[in-house]
């Protein structure tokens, strides 16, 4: 494992979200709010266009070499529009996070699998997406953690993956697949902090274990704890 690659550290920036009004057995969650307005849809398209233009430039030139002006030019927006959506270049991570969560949700099909299977699949999916853009994501994450305001200025941003994990846990608890005497928010914190420690190089030195062994031990700790109790 490469000690410089720290993708899951982004999960540590996502504070727990309480979804008491969510239906715990249903994903995606049904919304009772009105359909988005034309203005909201336009804002959504603009955010996606900025993100898409930025990621394309990052792939071609490298994260550090791409300026905000270059991103704005590629997306055909002004700097003011960019900052309306993202307080910093590193905050583009919010949109990556949202898109990954939306893509995974869209792939959930009935009949649904167990919560454990779906949580495993989500971890694998995130890992595959990060590895597919490893160079870009390494630099994006490094910049993100070097600029705390990107994570702190807008508390509602960047928590889509955390919310998705929490929904899966709540569904598993409702179905009796996961323990009900542990707060779902704590469950999610354990998953995220453990993954972050592994992928940030704080558990094993690079090359000390294979990714397959690291992942297997990760799931063993998350789902069976220190006692190995499988009841």
Protein backbone atom coordinates (compact mmCIF):
# COMPACT_ATOMS: atom_id res chain seq x y z
CA UNK A 1 0.00 0.00 0.00
CA UNK A 2 1.31 3.45 -0.87
CA UNK A 3 1.71 5.59 2.20
CA UNK A 4 1.13 8.79 0.19
CA UNK A 5 -2.29 7.67 -1.05
CA UNK A 6 -4.89 8.60 1.56
CA UNK A 7 -8.31 8.46 -0.12
CA UNK A 8 -10.50 7.42 2.79
CA UNK A 9 -9.26 10.29 4.95
CA UNK A 10 -12.00 12.32 3.31
CA UNK A 11 -14.53 10.29 5.31
CA UNK A 12 -13.14 11.73 8.55
CA UNK A 13 -14.32 15.19 7.50
CA UNK A 14 -17.94 14.10 7.27
CA UNK A 15 -19.78 14.64 10.54
CA UNK A 16 -22.56 12.21 11.52
CA UNK A 17 -25.99 12.98 10.19
CA UNK A 18 -29.21 11.97 11.90
CA UNK A 19 -31.82 10.65 9.47
CA UNK A 20 -34.66 10.09 11.90
CA UNK A 21 -37.20 10.90 9.24
CA UNK A 22 -35.74 8.43 6.73
CA UNK A 23 -37.37 5.14 5.95
CA UNK A 24 -34.68 2.76 7.10
CA UNK A 25 -35.49 -0.02 4.67
CA UNK A 26 -35.58 1.98 1.49
CA UNK A 27 -32.81 3.34 -0.73
CA UNK A 28 -32.77 5.74 -2.32
CA UNK A 29 -34.82 7.59 0.26
CA UNK A 30 -38.12 8.91 -0.96
CA UNK A 31 -38.40 12.66 -0.76
CA UNK A 32 -41.60 14.46 0.08
CA UNK A 33 -40.20 17.81 -1.02
CA UNK A 34 -41.32 19.57 -4.17
CA UNK A 35 -39.44 18.89 -7.43
CA UNK A 36 -36.39 21.13 -7.92
CA UNK A 37 -37.07 24.47 -9.54
CA UNK A 38 -35.60 25.52 -12.86
CA UNK A 39 -33.10 27.67 -10.98
CA UNK A 40 -32.09 24.73 -8.79
CA UNK A 41 -31.65 22.49 -11.85
CA UNK A 42 -29.49 25.12 -13.54
CA UNK A 43 -27.37 25.44 -10.41
CA UNK A 44 -26.95 21.67 -10.33
CA UNK A 45 -25.87 21.57 -13.98
CA UNK A 46 -23.37 24.36 -13.41
CA UNK A 47 -21.82 22.56 -10.44
CA UNK A 48 -21.49 19.36 -12.45
CA UNK A 49 -19.98 21.22 -15.40
CA UNK A 50 -17.40 22.90 -13.18
CA UNK A 51 -16.50 19.56 -11.60
CA UNK A 52 -16.30 17.78 -14.95
CA UNK A 53 -14.11 20.47 -16.49
CA UNK A 54 -11.82 20.47 -13.46
CA UNK A 55 -11.38 16.69 -13.36
CA UNK A 56 -10.60 16.60 -17.08
CA UNK A 57 -7.93 19.26 -16.63
CA UNK A 58 -6.51 17.47 -13.58
CA UNK A 59 -6.17 14.26 -15.59
CA UNK A 60 -4.37 16.05 -18.41
CA UNK A 61 -2.13 18.47 -16.49
CA UNK A 62 -2.04 17.31 -12.89
CA UNK A 63 -3.87 18.85 -9.96
CA UNK A 64 -1.19 21.34 -8.94
CA UNK A 65 -0.75 22.72 -12.44
CA UNK A 66 -4.41 23.60 -12.94
CA UNK A 67 -5.42 27.07 -11.79
CA UNK A 68 -8.87 28.31 -10.87
CA UNK A 69 -8.81 30.53 -13.93
CA UNK A 70 -8.17 27.49 -16.13
CA UNK A 71 -11.09 25.64 -14.56
CA UNK A 72 -13.40 28.62 -14.98
CA UNK A 73 -12.37 29.01 -18.61
CA UNK A 74 -12.95 25.34 -19.36
CA UNK A 75 -16.35 25.41 -17.65
CA UNK A 76 -17.20 28.82 -19.19
CA UNK A 77 -17.99 30.42 -15.83
CA UNK A 78 -16.62 33.34 -13.86
CA UNK A 79 -14.63 33.05 -10.65
CA UNK A 80 -17.64 34.31 -8.72
CA UNK A 81 -19.71 31.42 -10.04
CA UNK A 82 -17.00 28.96 -9.09
CA UNK A 83 -16.88 30.26 -5.52
CA UNK A 84 -20.67 30.17 -5.33
CA UNK A 85 -20.39 26.38 -5.58
CA UNK A 86 -16.95 25.64 -4.13
CA UNK A 87 -15.02 27.80 -1.62
CA UNK A 88 -11.70 26.38 -2.85
CA UNK A 89 -10.28 24.15 -5.55
CA UNK A 90 -9.96 21.30 -3.07
CA UNK A 91 -13.68 21.54 -2.26
CA UNK A 92 -14.35 19.89 -5.63
CA UNK A 93 -14.03 16.78 -3.50
CA UNK A 94 -17.59 17.48 -2.32
CA UNK A 95 -18.96 16.88 -5.81
CA UNK A 96 -16.90 13.69 -6.27
CA UNK A 97 -18.30 12.46 -2.98
CA UNK A 98 -21.88 13.27 -3.97
CA UNK A 99 -21.58 11.63 -7.38
CA UNK A 100 -20.09 8.42 -5.99
CA UNK A 101 -22.90 8.15 -3.44
CA UNK A 102 -25.55 8.82 -6.10
CA UNK A 103 -24.05 6.26 -8.48
CA UNK A 104 -24.01 3.56 -5.82
CA UNK A 105 -27.59 4.32 -4.79
CA UNK A 106 -28.70 4.11 -8.40
CA UNK A 107 -27.23 0.61 -8.64
CA UNK A 108 -29.24 -0.78 -5.72
CA UNK A 109 -31.92 -3.14 -7.00
CA UNK A 110 -34.75 -5.14 -5.51
CA UNK A 111 -34.66 -7.68 -4.05
CA UNK A 112 -32.09 -5.96 -1.88
CA UNK A 113 -29.11 -7.84 -0.49
CA UNK A 114 -28.18 -7.90 3.18
CA UNK A 115 -26.76 -4.76 4.76
CA UNK A 116 -23.39 -6.46 5.24
CA UNK A 117 -23.19 -7.34 1.55
CA UNK A 118 -24.17 -3.81 0.55
CA UNK A 119 -21.69 -2.18 2.92
CA UNK A 120 -18.92 -4.40 1.57
CA UNK A 121 -19.97 -3.48 -1.95
CA UNK A 122 -19.93 0.23 -1.13
CA UNK A 123 -16.42 0.03 0.33
CA UNK A 124 -15.25 -1.83 -2.77
CA UNK A 125 -16.97 0.67 -5.05
CA UNK A 126 -15.36 3.67 -3.36
CA UNK A 127 -11.96 1.98 -3.49
CA UNK A 128 -12.30 1.23 -7.21
CA UNK A 129 -13.34 4.80 -7.98
CA UNK A 130 -10.41 6.23 -6.04
CA UNK A 131 -7.90 3.87 -7.62
CA UNK A 132 -9.19 4.73 -11.09
CA UNK A 133 -8.13 8.34 -10.44
CA UNK A 134 -5.39 7.66 -7.91
CA UNK A 135 -2.95 10.40 -8.97
CA UNK A 136 -5.58 13.11 -9.14
CA UNK A 137 -7.30 12.03 -5.94
CA UNK A 138 -4.02 11.91 -4.04
CA UNK A 139 -3.34 15.56 -4.84
CA UNK A 140 -6.95 16.62 -4.35
CA UNK A 141 -7.08 15.03 -0.91
CA UNK A 142 -3.72 16.46 0.10
CA UNK A 143 -4.92 19.93 -0.83
CA UNK A 144 -8.25 19.35 0.89
CA UNK A 145 -6.66 18.57 4.24
CA UNK A 146 -4.16 21.40 3.86
CA UNK A 147 -7.04 23.90 3.58
CA UNK A 148 -9.47 23.21 6.47
CA UNK A 149 -11.88 26.00 5.46
CA UNK A 150 -12.80 23.94 2.42
CA UNK A 151 -14.36 21.41 4.76
CA UNK A 152 -15.60 23.77 7.42
CA UNK A 153 -17.21 26.73 5.68
CA UNK A 154 -20.30 24.81 4.56
CA UNK A 155 -21.30 22.19 7.15
CA UNK A 156 -23.91 20.63 4.89
CA UNK A 157 -21.45 19.79 2.15
CA UNK A 158 -19.50 16.62 1.52
CA UNK A 159 -21.52 14.21 3.65
CA UNK A 160 -23.30 12.15 1.03
CA UNK A 161 -21.17 9.04 1.53
CA UNK A 162 -21.52 9.29 5.28
CA UNK A 163 -25.29 9.57 4.95
CA UNK A 164 -25.36 6.57 2.61
CA UNK A 165 -23.36 4.44 5.04
CA UNK A 166 -25.69 5.45 7.84
CA UNK A 167 -28.75 4.51 5.79
CA UNK A 168 -27.31 1.07 5.08
CA UNK A 169 -26.56 0.54 8.77
CA UNK A 170 -30.05 1.65 9.83
CA UNK A 171 -31.60 -0.68 7.27
CA UNK A 172 -29.49 -3.57 8.56
CA UNK A 173 -30.51 -2.84 12.14
CA UNK A 174 -34.17 -2.71 11.22
CA UNK A 175 -33.91 -6.09 9.49
CA UNK A 176 -32.02 -7.65 12.39
CA UNK A 177 -28.82 -8.09 10.35
CA UNK A 178 -26.78 -5.67 12.46
CA UNK A 179 -26.76 -5.03 16.21
CA UNK A 180 -29.46 -2.63 17.30
CA UNK A 181 -27.85 -1.57 20.58
CA UNK A 182 -25.17 0.52 18.85
CA UNK A 183 -25.92 3.97 17.48
CA UNK A 184 -25.71 3.93 13.66
CA UNK A 185 -23.61 7.08 13.76
CA UNK A 186 -21.00 5.32 15.88
CA UNK A 187 -21.04 2.35 13.49
CA UNK A 188 -20.31 4.66 10.58
CA UNK A 189 -17.55 6.42 12.52
CA UNK A 190 -15.87 3.05 13.19
CA UNK A 191 -16.00 2.11 9.51
CA UNK A 192 -14.66 5.44 8.33
CA UNK A 193 -11.92 5.93 10.90
CA UNK A 194 -10.67 2.36 10.50
CA UNK A 195 -10.52 2.67 6.73
CA UNK A 196 -8.78 6.03 7.00
CA UNK A 197 -6.13 4.62 9.35
CA UNK A 198 -5.38 1.76 6.95
CA UNK A 199 -5.23 3.77 3.76
CA UNK A 200 -3.26 6.62 5.31
CA UNK A 201 -0.44 4.21 6.16
CA UNK A 202 -0.90 4.38 9.93
CA UNK A 203 -1.47 0.63 10.31
CA UNK A 204 0.93 -1.09 7.89
CA UNK A 205 4.06 0.06 6.14
CA UNK A 206 3.89 0.17 2.34
CA UNK A 207 4.11 -3.35 0.93
CA UNK A 208 3.81 -5.00 4.33
CA UNK A 209 0.49 -6.64 3.45
CA UNK A 210 -1.38 -7.07 0.19
CA UNK A 211 -4.46 -4.92 -0.44
CA UNK A 212 -6.55 -8.11 -0.35
CA UNK A 213 -5.31 -9.03 3.15
CA UNK A 214 -5.74 -5.47 4.38
CA UNK A 215 -9.31 -5.40 3.11
CA UNK A 216 -10.10 -8.80 4.63
CA UNK A 217 -8.81 -7.73 8.05
CA UNK A 218 -10.69 -4.46 7.76
CA UNK A 219 -13.99 -6.27 7.25
CA UNK A 220 -13.13 -8.73 10.02
CA UNK A 221 -12.70 -5.90 12.52
CA UNK A 222 -15.72 -3.95 11.31
CA UNK A 223 -18.17 -6.85 11.28
CA UNK A 224 -16.81 -9.16 14.00
CA UNK A 225 -14.87 -6.91 16.34
CA UNK A 226 -12.01 -8.06 18.54
CA UNK A 227 -13.73 -11.14 19.98
CA UNK A 228 -14.59 -12.77 16.66
CA UNK A 229 -18.19 -13.22 17.79
CA UNK A 230 -20.29 -14.10 14.77
CA UNK A 231 -23.61 -14.55 16.54
